[in-house]
Amino acid sequence: MSIETLDLDKFESKTANLYESIVVASKKARQINDAIKMELNQRLEPIIAKETEDDSIMNQDKLNISLEFEKREKPTIEAIDNLMEDKVNYRFKNENEEEVK
């Protein structure tokens, strides 16, 4: 997997400044990562439940699913691509809004 450079001027142009772009991309990457974790757990859950029957087949199934997830694009790259293609909607918390505890 090669490393691609990112034009910071284009990245910065998606929000008010570079730091806001970084925050938006990082929060989107966390959302994507959480979704991937949930999907992985949902796919592994039936395999783990049947694990006592035949461990060699179950281990191979777990390995295949894990390899499939490793081949996917990393959440940070996907988040940056989404931001650059204007697929990310974001808003800032209003200063007058009270934080729910």
PDB file of N, CA and C in Angstrom:
ATOM      1  N   MET A   1       0.843  -1.158   0.000  1.00  0.00           N
ATOM      2  CA  MET A   1       0.000   0.000   0.000  1.00  0.00           C
ATOM      3  C   MET A   1       0.900   1.236   0.000  1.00  0.00           C
ATOM      4  N   SER A   2       0.744   2.052  -1.009  1.00  0.00           N
ATOM      5  CA  SER A   2       1.594   3.230  -1.129  1.00  0.00           C
ATOM      6  C   SER A   2       0.980   4.416  -0.390  1.00  0.00           C
ATOM      7  N   ILE A   3       1.824   5.322  -0.013  1.00  0.00           N
ATOM      8  CA  ILE A   3       1.390   6.530   0.682  1.00  0.00           C
ATOM      9  C   ILE A   3       1.194   7.617  -0.362  1.00  0.00           C
ATOM     10  N   GLU A   4       0.034   8.250  -0.314  1.00  0.00           N
ATOM     11  CA  GLU A   4      -0.260   9.323  -1.248  1.00  0.00           C
ATOM     12  C   GLU A   4      -0.153  10.657  -0.526  1.00  0.00           C
ATOM     13  N   THR A   5       0.357  11.643  -1.230  1.00  0.00           N
ATOM     14  CA  THR A   5       0.461  12.977  -0.637  1.00  0.00           C
ATOM     15  C   THR A   5      -0.888  13.673  -0.724  1.00  0.00           C
ATOM     16  N   LEU A   6      -1.100  14.607   0.155  1.00  0.00           N
ATOM     17  CA  LEU A   6      -2.348  15.347   0.218  1.00  0.00           C
ATOM     18  C   LEU A   6      -2.043  16.830   0.062  1.00  0.00           C
ATOM     19  N   ASP A   7      -2.720  17.464  -0.869  1.00  0.00           N
ATOM     20  CA  ASP A   7      -2.544  18.893  -1.062  1.00  0.00           C
ATOM     21  C   ASP A   7      -3.243  19.623   0.087  1.00  0.00           C
ATOM     22  N   LEU A   8      -2.466  20.205   0.975  1.00  0.00           N
ATOM     23  CA  LEU A   8      -3.018  20.828   2.169  1.00  0.00           C
ATOM     24  C   LEU A   8      -3.893  22.037   1.845  1.00  0.00           C
ATOM     25  N   ASP A   9      -3.608  22.721   0.755  1.00  0.00           N
ATOM     26  CA  ASP A   9      -4.443  23.870   0.382  1.00  0.00           C
ATOM     27  C   ASP A   9      -5.859  23.415   0.026  1.00  0.00           C
ATOM     28  N   LYS A  10      -5.961  22.323  -0.721  1.00  0.00           N
ATOM     29  CA  LYS A  10      -7.283  21.777  -1.064  1.00  0.00           C
ATOM     30  C   LYS A  10      -7.976  21.234   0.184  1.00  0.00           C
ATOM     31  N   PHE A  11      -7.207  20.572   1.035  1.00  0.00           N
ATOM     32  CA  PHE A  11      -7.752  20.011   2.273  1.00  0.00           C
ATOM     33  C   PHE A  11      -8.278  21.127   3.167  1.00  0.00           C
ATOM     34  N   GLU A  12      -7.517  22.207   3.255  1.00  0.00           N
ATOM     35  CA  GLU A  12      -7.903  23.346   4.091  1.00  0.00           C
ATOM     36  C   GLU A  12      -9.123  24.067   3.524  1.00  0.00           C
ATOM     37  N   SER A  13      -9.285  24.048   2.199  1.00  0.00           N
ATOM     38  CA  SER A  13     -10.382  24.773   1.568  1.00  0.00           C
ATOM     39  C   SER A  13     -11.756  24.164   1.873  1.00  0.00           C
ATOM     40  N   LYS A  14     -11.790  22.961   2.405  1.00  0.00           N
ATOM     41  CA  LYS A  14     -13.064  22.297   2.704  1.00  0.00           C
ATOM     42  C   LYS A  14     -13.717  22.841   3.961  1.00  0.00           C
ATOM     43  N   THR A  15     -12.950  23.495   4.807  1.00  0.00           N
ATOM     44  CA  THR A  15     -13.474  24.124   6.028  1.00  0.00           C
ATOM     45  C   THR A  15     -12.831  25.499   6.155  1.00  0.00           C
ATOM     46  N   ALA A  16     -13.016  26.116   7.308  1.00  0.00           N
ATOM     47  CA  ALA A  16     -12.478  27.467   7.511  1.00  0.00           C
ATOM     48  C   ALA A  16     -10.959  27.483   7.597  1.00  0.00           C
ATOM     49  N   ASN A  17     -10.369  26.419   8.169  1.00  0.00           N
ATOM     50  CA  ASN A  17      -8.913  26.361   8.245  1.00  0.00           C
ATOM     51  C   ASN A  17      -8.458  24.907   8.320  1.00  0.00           C
ATOM     52  N   LEU A  18      -7.172  24.705   8.309  1.00  0.00           N
ATOM     53  CA  LEU A  18      -6.585  23.363   8.280  1.00  0.00           C
ATOM     54  C   LEU A  18      -6.952  22.550   9.516  1.00  0.00           C
ATOM     55  N   TYR A  19      -6.960  23.193  10.663  1.00  0.00           N
ATOM     56  CA  TYR A  19      -7.231  22.484  11.912  1.00  0.00           C
ATOM     57  C   TYR A  19      -8.674  21.973  11.965  1.00  0.00           C
ATOM     58  N   GLU A  20      -9.604  22.765  11.448  1.00  0.00           N
ATOM     59  CA  GLU A  20     -10.988  22.317  11.381  1.00  0.00           C
ATOM     60  C   GLU A  20     -11.117  21.124  10.435  1.00  0.00           C
ATOM     61  N   SER A  21     -10.407  21.158   9.331  1.00  0.00           N
ATOM     62  CA  SER A  21     -10.428  20.032   8.396  1.00  0.00           C
ATOM     63  C   SER A  21      -9.922  18.760   9.058  1.00  0.00           C
ATOM     64  N   ILE A  22      -8.870  18.896   9.836  1.00  0.00           N
ATOM     65  CA  ILE A  22      -8.305  17.739  10.533  1.00  0.00           C
ATOM     66  C   ILE A  22      -9.303  17.179  11.541  1.00  0.00           C
ATOM     67  N   VAL A  23      -9.955  18.060  12.283  1.00  0.00           N
ATOM     68  CA  VAL A  23     -10.932  17.612  13.283  1.00  0.00           C
ATOM     69  C   VAL A  23     -12.117  16.921  12.612  1.00  0.00           C
ATOM     70  N   VAL A  24     -12.620  17.508  11.532  1.00  0.00           N
ATOM     71  CA  VAL A  24     -13.757  16.917  10.820  1.00  0.00           C
ATOM     72  C   VAL A  24     -13.374  15.550  10.262  1.00  0.00           C
ATOM     73  N   ALA A  25     -12.210  15.447   9.643  1.00  0.00           N
ATOM     74  CA  ALA A  25     -11.769  14.177   9.074  1.00  0.00           C
ATOM     75  C   ALA A  25     -11.537  13.133  10.163  1.00  0.00           C
ATOM     76  N   SER A  26     -10.985  13.547  11.287  1.00  0.00           N
ATOM     77  CA  SER A  26     -10.714  12.574  12.349  1.00  0.00           C
ATOM     78  C   SER A  26     -12.002  12.069  12.987  1.00  0.00           C
ATOM     79  N   LYS A  27     -12.985  12.942  13.155  1.00  0.00           N
ATOM     80  CA  LYS A  27     -14.266  12.495  13.714  1.00  0.00           C
ATOM     81  C   LYS A  27     -14.984  11.565  12.740  1.00  0.00           C
ATOM     82  N   LYS A  28     -14.899  11.853  11.454  1.00  0.00           N
ATOM     83  CA  LYS A  28     -15.504  10.970  10.455  1.00  0.00           C
ATOM     84  C   LYS A  28     -14.784   9.625  10.437  1.00  0.00           C
ATOM     85  N   ALA A  29     -13.468   9.633  10.568  1.00  0.00           N
ATOM     86  CA  ALA A  29     -12.695   8.389  10.603  1.00  0.00           C
ATOM     87  C   ALA A  29     -13.100   7.544  11.808  1.00  0.00           C
ATOM     88  N   ARG A  30     -13.341   8.172  12.932  1.00  0.00           N
ATOM     89  CA  ARG A  30     -13.784   7.438  14.124  1.00  0.00           C
ATOM     90  C   ARG A  30     -15.153   6.813  13.897  1.00  0.00           C
ATOM     91  N   GLN A  31     -16.065   7.550  13.237  1.00  0.00           N
ATOM     92  CA  GLN A  31     -17.387   6.998  12.922  1.00  0.00           C
ATOM     93  C   GLN A  31     -17.262   5.787  12.001  1.00  0.00           C
ATOM     94  N   ILE A  32     -16.415   5.897  10.995  1.00  0.00           N
ATOM     95  CA  ILE A  32     -16.213   4.788  10.055  1.00  0.00           C
ATOM     96  C   ILE A  32     -15.612   3.594  10.774  1.00  0.00           C
ATOM     97  N   ASN A  33     -14.633   3.839  11.641  1.00  0.00           N
ATOM     98  CA  ASN A  33     -13.990   2.766  12.389  1.00  0.00           C
ATOM     99  C   ASN A  33     -14.987   2.057  13.303  1.00  0.00           C
ATOM    100  N   ASP A  34     -15.853   2.830  13.967  1.00  0.00           N
ATOM    101  CA  ASP A  34     -16.867   2.232  14.830  1.00  0.00           C
ATOM    102  C   ASP A  34     -17.838   1.365  14.028  1.00  0.00           C
ATOM    103  N   ALA A  35     -18.213   1.829  12.845  1.00  0.00           N
ATOM    104  CA  ALA A  35     -19.109   1.044  11.989  1.00  0.00           C
ATOM    105  C   ALA A  35     -18.442  -0.258  11.542  1.00  0.00           C
ATOM    106  N   ILE A  36     -17.151  -0.195  11.238  1.00  0.00           N
ATOM    107  CA  ILE A  36     -16.414  -1.392  10.833  1.00  0.00           C
ATOM    108  C   ILE A  36     -16.333  -2.381  11.988  1.00  0.00           C
ATOM    109  N   LYS A  37     -16.073  -1.886  13.192  1.00  0.00           N
ATOM    110  CA  LYS A  37     -16.024  -2.767  14.375  1.00  0.00           C
ATOM    111  C   LYS A  37     -17.350  -3.468  14.600  1.00  0.00           C
ATOM    112  N   MET A  38     -18.446  -2.721  14.458  1.00  0.00           N
ATOM    113  CA  MET A  38     -19.763  -3.317  14.643  1.00  0.00           C
ATOM    114  C   MET A  38     -20.023  -4.396  13.601  1.00  0.00           C
ATOM    115  N   GLU A  39     -19.676  -4.115  12.351  1.00  0.00           N
ATOM    116  CA  GLU A  39     -19.874  -5.091  11.284  1.00  0.00           C
ATOM    117  C   GLU A  39     -19.034  -6.340  11.520  1.00  0.00           C
ATOM    118  N   LEU A  40     -17.791  -6.161  11.931  1.00  0.00           N
ATOM    119  CA  LEU A  40     -16.914  -7.296  12.211  1.00  0.00           C
ATOM    120  C   LEU A  40     -17.483  -8.151  13.341  1.00  0.00           C
ATOM    121  N   ASN A  41     -17.919  -7.514  14.412  1.00  0.00           N
ATOM    122  CA  ASN A  41     -18.490  -8.256  15.535  1.00  0.00           C
ATOM    123  C   ASN A  41     -19.754  -9.002  15.137  1.00  0.00           C
ATOM    124  N   GLN A  42     -20.597  -8.392  14.297  1.00  0.00           N
ATOM    125  CA  GLN A  42     -21.810  -9.052  13.840  1.00  0.00           C
ATOM    126  C   GLN A  42     -21.497 -10.268  12.984  1.00  0.00           C
ATOM    127  N   ARG A  43     -20.465 -10.172  12.176  1.00  0.00           N
ATOM    128  CA  ARG A  43     -20.100 -11.306  11.317  1.00  0.00           C
ATOM    129  C   ARG A  43     -19.397 -12.406  12.092  1.00  0.00           C
ATOM    130  N   LEU A  44     -18.661 -12.052  13.147  1.00  0.00           N
ATOM    131  CA  LEU A  44     -17.958 -13.062  13.945  1.00  0.00           C
ATOM    132  C   LEU A  44     -18.838 -13.706  15.012  1.00  0.00           C
ATOM    133  N   GLU A  45     -19.905 -13.050  15.397  1.00  0.00           N
ATOM    134  CA  GLU A  45     -20.752 -13.541  16.480  1.00  0.00           C
ATOM    135  C   GLU A  45     -21.276 -14.959  16.240  1.00  0.00           C
ATOM    136  N   PRO A  46     -21.839 -15.287  15.066  1.00  0.00           N
ATOM    137  CA  PRO A  46     -22.315 -16.665  14.866  1.00  0.00           C
ATOM    138  C   PRO A  46     -21.185 -17.696  14.875  1.00  0.00           C
ATOM    139  N   ILE A  47     -20.020 -17.294  14.419  1.00  0.00           N
ATOM    140  CA  ILE A  47     -18.880 -18.212  14.395  1.00  0.00           C
ATOM    141  C   ILE A  47     -18.402 -18.490  15.811  1.00  0.00           C
ATOM    142  N   ILE A  48     -18.342 -17.477  16.626  1.00  0.00           N
ATOM    143  CA  ILE A  48     -17.898 -17.643  18.010  1.00  0.00           C
ATOM    144  C   ILE A  48     -18.904 -18.484  18.796  1.00  0.00           C
ATOM    145  N   ALA A  49     -20.205 -18.321  18.501  1.00  0.00           N
ATOM    146  CA  ALA A  49     -21.234 -19.085  19.199  1.00  0.00           C
ATOM    147  C   ALA A  49     -21.128 -20.579  18.897  1.00  0.00           C
ATOM    148  N   LYS A  50     -20.680 -20.940  17.693  1.00  0.00           N
ATOM    149  CA  LYS A  50     -20.577 -22.345  17.285  1.00  0.00           C
ATOM    150  C   LYS A  50     -19.164 -22.893  17.453  1.00  0.00           C
ATOM    151  N   GLU A  51     -18.318 -22.176  18.123  1.00  0.00           N
ATOM    152  CA  GLU A  51     -16.899 -22.491  18.185  1.00  0.00           C
ATOM    153  C   GLU A  51     -16.581 -23.872  18.767  1.00  0.00           C
ATOM    154  N   THR A  52     -17.442 -24.447  19.561  1.00  0.00           N
ATOM    155  CA  THR A  52     -17.134 -25.724  20.215  1.00  0.00           C
ATOM    156  C   THR A  52     -17.238 -26.914  19.267  1.00  0.00           C
ATOM    157  N   GLU A  53     -17.941 -26.763  18.143  1.00  0.00           N
ATOM    158  CA  GLU A  53     -18.152 -27.891  17.241  1.00  0.00           C
ATOM    159  C   GLU A  53     -16.864 -28.347  16.557  1.00  0.00           C
ATOM    160  N   ASP A  54     -16.299 -27.497  15.721  1.00  0.00           N
ATOM    161  CA  ASP A  54     -15.084 -27.865  14.994  1.00  0.00           C
ATOM    162  C   ASP A  54     -14.179 -26.645  14.929  1.00  0.00           C
ATOM    163  N   ASP A  55     -13.171 -26.639  15.784  1.00  0.00           N
ATOM    164  CA  ASP A  55     -12.315 -25.465  15.915  1.00  0.00           C
ATOM    165  C   ASP A  55     -11.521 -25.142  14.660  1.00  0.00           C
ATOM    166  N   SER A  56     -11.090 -26.143  13.897  1.00  0.00           N
ATOM    167  CA  SER A  56     -10.263 -25.859  12.719  1.00  0.00           C
ATOM    168  C   SER A  56     -11.050 -25.129  11.642  1.00  0.00           C
ATOM    169  N   ILE A  57     -12.304 -25.504  11.445  1.00  0.00           N
ATOM    170  CA  ILE A  57     -13.137 -24.821  10.443  1.00  0.00           C
ATOM    171  C   ILE A  57     -13.468 -23.416  10.931  1.00  0.00           C
ATOM    172  N   MET A  58     -13.787 -23.288  12.208  1.00  0.00           N
ATOM    173  CA  MET A  58     -14.136 -21.980  12.756  1.00  0.00           C
ATOM    174  C   MET A  58     -12.946 -21.024  12.712  1.00  0.00           C
ATOM    175  N   ASN A  59     -11.757 -21.524  13.009  1.00  0.00           N
ATOM    176  CA  ASN A  59     -10.570 -20.671  12.950  1.00  0.00           C
ATOM    177  C   ASN A  59     -10.323 -20.187  11.528  1.00  0.00           C
ATOM    178  N   GLN A  60     -10.563 -21.048  10.543  1.00  0.00           N
ATOM    179  CA  GLN A  60     -10.373 -20.658   9.140  1.00  0.00           C
ATOM    180  C   GLN A  60     -11.407 -19.601   8.748  1.00  0.00           C
ATOM    181  N   ASP A  61     -12.649 -19.760   9.217  1.00  0.00           N
ATOM    182  CA  ASP A  61     -13.678 -18.764   8.930  1.00  0.00           C
ATOM    183  C   ASP A  61     -13.324 -17.413   9.551  1.00  0.00           C
ATOM    184  N   LYS A  62     -12.856 -17.436  10.783  1.00  0.00           N
ATOM    185  CA  LYS A  62     -12.430 -16.193  11.443  1.00  0.00           C
ATOM    186  C   LYS A  62     -11.292 -15.540  10.672  1.00  0.00           C
ATOM    187  N   LEU A  63     -10.350 -16.357  10.234  1.00  0.00           N
ATOM    188  CA  LEU A  63      -9.203 -15.843   9.487  1.00  0.00           C
ATOM    189  C   LEU A  63      -9.655 -15.203   8.175  1.00  0.00           C
ATOM    190  N   ASN A  64     -10.565 -15.854   7.471  1.00  0.00           N
ATOM    191  CA  ASN A  64     -11.051 -15.310   6.199  1.00  0.00           C
ATOM    192  C   ASN A  64     -11.750 -13.970   6.390  1.00  0.00           C
ATOM    193  N   ILE A  65     -12.571 -13.881   7.433  1.00  0.00           N
ATOM    194  CA  ILE A  65     -13.265 -12.623   7.703  1.00  0.00           C
ATOM    195  C   ILE A  65     -12.260 -11.537   8.092  1.00  0.00           C
ATOM    196  N   SER A  66     -11.292 -11.878   8.914  1.00  0.00           N
ATOM    197  CA  SER A  66     -10.278 -10.907   9.330  1.00  0.00           C
ATOM    198  C   SER A  66      -9.463 -10.408   8.137  1.00  0.00           C
ATOM    199  N   LEU A  67      -9.103 -11.316   7.237  1.00  0.00           N
ATOM    200  CA  LEU A  67      -8.340 -10.916   6.054  1.00  0.00           C
ATOM    201  C   LEU A  67      -9.161 -10.007   5.150  1.00  0.00           C
ATOM    202  N   GLU A  68     -10.448 -10.287   5.048  1.00  0.00           N
ATOM    203  CA  GLU A  68     -11.327  -9.438   4.243  1.00  0.00           C
ATOM    204  C   GLU A  68     -11.354  -8.013   4.794  1.00  0.00           C
ATOM    205  N   PHE A  69     -11.417  -7.887   6.123  1.00  0.00           N
ATOM    206  CA  PHE A  69     -11.448  -6.560   6.737  1.00  0.00           C
ATOM    207  C   PHE A  69     -10.096  -5.864   6.629  1.00  0.00           C
ATOM    208  N   GLU A  70      -9.014  -6.606   6.640  1.00  0.00           N
ATOM    209  CA  GLU A  70      -7.688  -5.994   6.515  1.00  0.00           C
ATOM    210  C   GLU A  70      -7.454  -5.425   5.120  1.00  0.00           C
ATOM    211  N   LYS A  71      -8.101  -5.991   4.107  1.00  0.00           N
ATOM    212  CA  LYS A  71      -7.920  -5.520   2.736  1.00  0.00           C
ATOM    213  C   LYS A  71      -8.671  -4.220   2.460  1.00  0.00           C
ATOM    214  N   ARG A  72      -9.591  -3.876   3.332  1.00  0.00           N
ATOM    215  CA  ARG A  72     -10.366  -2.649   3.136  1.00  0.00           C
ATOM    216  C   ARG A  72      -9.486  -1.418   3.313  1.00  0.00           C
ATOM    217  N   GLU A  73      -9.992  -0.322   2.762  1.00  0.00           N
ATOM    218  CA  GLU A  73      -9.300   0.952   2.911  1.00  0.00           C
ATOM    219  C   GLU A  73      -9.354   1.390   4.375  1.00  0.00           C
ATOM    220  N   LYS A  74      -8.307   1.992   4.857  1.00  0.00           N
ATOM    221  CA  LYS A  74      -8.241   2.432   6.245  1.00  0.00           C
ATOM    222  C   LYS A  74      -9.248   3.562   6.493  1.00  0.00           C
ATOM    223  N   PRO A  75      -9.817   3.620   7.693  1.00  0.00           N
ATOM    224  CA  PRO A  75     -10.832   4.644   7.986  1.00  0.00           C
ATOM    225  C   PRO A  75     -10.346   6.075   7.787  1.00  0.00           C
ATOM    226  N   THR A  76      -9.082   6.347   8.096  1.00  0.00           N
ATOM    227  CA  THR A  76      -8.579   7.719   7.924  1.00  0.00           C
ATOM    228  C   THR A  76      -8.533   8.107   6.446  1.00  0.00           C
ATOM    229  N   ILE A  77      -8.115   7.185   5.608  1.00  0.00           N
ATOM    230  CA  ILE A  77      -8.057   7.466   4.163  1.00  0.00           C
ATOM    231  C   ILE A  77      -9.466   7.673   3.621  1.00  0.00           C
ATOM    232  N   GLU A  78     -10.386   6.810   4.036  1.00  0.00           N
ATOM    233  CA  GLU A  78     -11.780   6.931   3.584  1.00  0.00           C
ATOM    234  C   GLU A  78     -12.393   8.253   4.056  1.00  0.00           C
ATOM    235  N   ALA A  79     -12.099   8.661   5.280  1.00  0.00           N
ATOM    236  CA  ALA A  79     -12.635   9.919   5.806  1.00  0.00           C
ATOM    237  C   ALA A  79     -12.082  11.123   5.043  1.00  0.00           C
ATOM    238  N   ILE A  80     -10.802  11.101   4.760  1.00  0.00           N
ATOM    239  CA  ILE A  80     -10.199  12.205   3.991  1.00  0.00           C
ATOM    240  C   ILE A  80     -10.791  12.255   2.592  1.00  0.00           C
ATOM    241  N   ASP A  81     -10.966  11.099   1.959  1.00  0.00           N
ATOM    242  CA  ASP A  81     -11.581  11.062   0.632  1.00  0.00           C
ATOM    243  C   ASP A  81     -13.003  11.607   0.667  1.00  0.00           C
ATOM    244  N   ASN A  82     -13.764  11.221   1.692  1.00  0.00           N
ATOM    245  CA  ASN A  82     -15.133  11.729   1.826  1.00  0.00           C
ATOM    246  C   ASN A  82     -15.144  13.244   2.000  1.00  0.00           C
ATOM    247  N   LEU A  83     -14.241  13.761   2.804  1.00  0.00           N
ATOM    248  CA  LEU A  83     -14.168  15.205   3.012  1.00  0.00           C
ATOM    249  C   LEU A  83     -13.782  15.923   1.712  1.00  0.00           C
ATOM    250  N   MET A  84     -12.825  15.385   1.007  1.00  0.00           N
ATOM    251  CA  MET A  84     -12.373  16.018  -0.237  1.00  0.00           C
ATOM    252  C   MET A  84     -13.452  15.981  -1.323  1.00  0.00           C
ATOM    253  N   GLU A  85     -14.335  14.979  -1.277  1.00  0.00           N
ATOM    254  CA  GLU A  85     -15.410  14.859  -2.266  1.00  0.00           C
ATOM    255  C   GLU A  85     -16.712  15.489  -1.774  1.00  0.00           C
ATOM    256  N   ASP A  86     -16.639  16.253  -0.698  1.00  0.00           N
ATOM    257  CA  ASP A  86     -17.789  16.946  -0.108  1.00  0.00           C
ATOM    258  C   ASP A  86     -18.927  15.997   0.259  1.00  0.00           C
ATOM    259  N   LYS A  87     -18.582  14.825   0.769  1.00  0.00           N
ATOM    260  CA  LYS A  87     -19.582  13.854   1.200  1.00  0.00           C
ATOM    261  C   LYS A  87     -19.803  13.886   2.706  1.00  0.00           C
ATOM    262  N   VAL A  88     -19.125  14.801   3.386  1.00  0.00           N
ATOM    263  CA  VAL A  88     -19.226  14.894   4.840  1.00  0.00           C
ATOM    264  C   VAL A  88     -19.994  16.161   5.195  1.00  0.00           C
ATOM    265  N   ASN A  89     -21.067  15.981   5.958  1.00  0.00           N
ATOM    266  CA  ASN A  89     -21.796  17.124   6.496  1.00  0.00           C
ATOM    267  C   ASN A  89     -21.371  17.297   7.942  1.00  0.00           C
ATOM    268  N   TYR A  90     -21.071  18.503   8.322  1.00  0.00           N
ATOM    269  CA  TYR A  90     -20.648  18.764   9.688  1.00  0.00           C
ATOM    270  C   TYR A  90     -21.203  20.099  10.138  1.00  0.00           C
ATOM    271  N   ARG A  91     -21.302  20.232  11.438  1.00  0.00           N
ATOM    272  CA  ARG A  91     -21.713  21.503  12.027  1.00  0.00           C
ATOM    273  C   ARG A  91     -20.993  21.638  13.352  1.00  0.00           C
ATOM    274  N   PHE A  92     -20.823  22.854  13.770  1.00  0.00           N
ATOM    275  CA  PHE A  92     -20.166  23.117  15.039  1.00  0.00           C
ATOM    276  C   PHE A  92     -21.223  23.317  16.108  1.00  0.00           C
ATOM    277  N   LYS A  93     -20.883  22.911  17.291  1.00  0.00           N
ATOM    278  CA  LYS A  93     -21.793  23.063  18.413  1.00  0.00           C
ATOM    279  C   LYS A  93     -21.968  24.543  18.702  1.00  0.00           C
ATOM    280  N   ASN A  94     -23.201  24.951  18.843  1.00  0.00           N
ATOM    281  CA  ASN A  94     -23.502  26.343  19.141  1.00  0.00           C
ATOM    282  C   ASN A  94     -23.051  26.651  20.566  1.00  0.00           C
ATOM    283  N   GLU A  95     -22.449  27.776  20.774  1.00  0.00           N
ATOM    284  CA  GLU A  95     -21.949  28.150  22.094  1.00  0.00           C
ATOM    285  C   GLU A  95     -23.077  28.277  23.119  1.00  0.00           C
ATOM    286  N   ASN A  96     -24.275  28.582  22.664  1.00  0.00           N
ATOM    287  CA  ASN A  96     -25.402  28.749  23.581  1.00  0.00           C
ATOM    288  C   ASN A  96     -26.057  27.438  23.967  1.00  0.00           C
ATOM    289  N   GLU A  97     -25.771  26.376  23.229  1.00  0.00           N
ATOM    290  CA  GLU A  97     -26.339  25.062  23.554  1.00  0.00           C
ATOM    291  C   GLU A  97     -25.699  24.527  24.827  1.00  0.00           C
ATOM    292  N   GLU A  98     -26.520  23.953  25.678  1.00  0.00           N
ATOM    293  CA  GLU A  98     -25.977  23.341  26.880  1.00  0.00           C
ATOM    294  C   GLU A  98     -25.648  21.897  26.584  1.00  0.00           C
ATOM    295  N   GLU A  99     -24.550  21.449  27.128  1.00  0.00           N
ATOM    296  CA  GLU A  99     -24.117  20.079  26.915  1.00  0.00           C
ATOM    297  C   GLU A  99     -24.973  19.139  27.762  1.00  0.00           C
ATOM    298  N   VAL A 100     -25.456  18.069  27.131  1.00  0.00           N
ATOM    299  CA  VAL A 100     -26.262  17.087  27.843  1.00  0.00           C
ATOM    300  C   VAL A 100     -25.329  16.148  28.590  1.00  0.00           C
ATOM    301  N   LYS A 101     -25.563  15.980  29.887  1.00  0.00           N
ATOM    302  CA  LYS A 101     -24.703  15.131  30.690  1.00  0.00           C
ATOM    303  C   LYS A 101     -25.401  13.868  31.067  1.00  0.00           C
TER     304      LYS A 101
END
